[in-house]
Amino acid sequence: MFFEVKPQLYQNTTMVPLRFITETLGATLDWDDATSTINIKTN
């Protein structure tokens, strides 16, 4: 696996792409354009 966007340090916190984390944990991530929300689904 690899990051599409590299991790960044922001105010002493490491920020990583949410899609990478969810898929690493076996979940899926979907973006809902109509409501500007993220849906994370697990099995």
C-alpha atoms as a PDB file:
ATOM      1  CA  MET A   1       0.000   0.000   0.000  1.00  0.00           C
ATOM      2  CA  PHE A   2       1.023   3.556  -0.533  1.00  0.00           C
ATOM      3  CA  PHE A   3      -0.281   7.010   0.197  1.00  0.00           C
ATOM      4  CA  GLU A   4      -1.861   8.962  -2.660  1.00  0.00           C
ATOM      5  CA  VAL A   5      -1.090  12.041  -0.571  1.00  0.00           C
ATOM      6  CA  LYS A   6       1.863  12.044   1.792  1.00  0.00           C
ATOM      7  CA  PRO A   7       1.294  12.398   5.555  1.00  0.00           C
ATOM      8  CA  GLN A   8       1.696  15.915   6.921  1.00  0.00           C
ATOM      9  CA  LEU A   9       2.511  17.366  10.309  1.00  0.00           C
ATOM     10  CA  TYR A  10      -0.106  19.938  11.366  1.00  0.00           C
ATOM     11  CA  GLN A  11       0.003  21.598  14.806  1.00  0.00           C
ATOM     12  CA  ASN A  12       2.064  18.723  16.243  1.00  0.00           C
ATOM     13  CA  THR A  13      -0.370  16.101  14.855  1.00  0.00           C
ATOM     14  CA  THR A  14       0.388  13.718  12.003  1.00  0.00           C
ATOM     15  CA  MET A  15      -2.366  13.884   9.397  1.00  0.00           C
ATOM     16  CA  VAL A  16      -2.785  10.894   7.053  1.00  0.00           C
ATOM     17  CA  PRO A  17      -5.318  10.332   4.266  1.00  0.00           C
ATOM     18  CA  LEU A  18      -8.588   9.004   5.691  1.00  0.00           C
ATOM     19  CA  ARG A  19      -9.106   6.624   2.752  1.00  0.00           C
ATOM     20  CA  PHE A  20      -5.755   4.929   3.467  1.00  0.00           C
ATOM     21  CA  ILE A  21      -6.661   4.355   7.122  1.00  0.00           C
ATOM     22  CA  THR A  22     -10.175   3.051   6.436  1.00  0.00           C
ATOM     23  CA  GLU A  23      -9.061   0.675   3.690  1.00  0.00           C
ATOM     24  CA  THR A  24      -6.144  -0.576   5.805  1.00  0.00           C
ATOM     25  CA  LEU A  25      -8.689  -1.480   8.491  1.00  0.00           C
ATOM     26  CA  GLY A  26     -10.911  -3.261   5.945  1.00  0.00           C
ATOM     27  CA  ALA A  27     -13.589  -0.578   5.665  1.00  0.00           C
ATOM     28  CA  THR A  28     -14.737   1.454   2.676  1.00  0.00           C
ATOM     29  CA  LEU A  29     -15.017   5.193   2.340  1.00  0.00           C
ATOM     30  CA  ASP A  30     -17.504   7.004   0.103  1.00  0.00           C
ATOM     31  CA  TRP A  31     -17.883  10.733  -0.505  1.00  0.00           C
ATOM     32  CA  ASP A  32     -21.447  12.063  -0.830  1.00  0.00           C
ATOM     33  CA  ASP A  33     -21.298  15.172  -3.018  1.00  0.00           C
ATOM     34  CA  ALA A  34     -24.903  16.145  -2.335  1.00  0.00           C
ATOM     35  CA  THR A  35     -24.373  16.464   1.428  1.00  0.00           C
ATOM     36  CA  SER A  36     -20.583  16.963   1.521  1.00  0.00           C
ATOM     37  CA  THR A  37     -20.206  14.066   3.925  1.00  0.00           C
ATOM     38  CA  ILE A  38     -17.984  11.003   4.197  1.00  0.00           C
ATOM     39  CA  ASN A  39     -19.549   7.593   4.789  1.00  0.00           C
ATOM     40  CA  ILE A  40     -17.350   4.873   6.292  1.00  0.00           C
ATOM     41  CA  LYS A  41     -18.726   1.341   6.054  1.00  0.00           C
ATOM     42  CA  THR A  42     -17.422  -1.737   7.843  1.00  0.00           C
ATOM     43  CA  ASN A  43     -18.313  -5.376   7.278  1.00  0.00           C
END
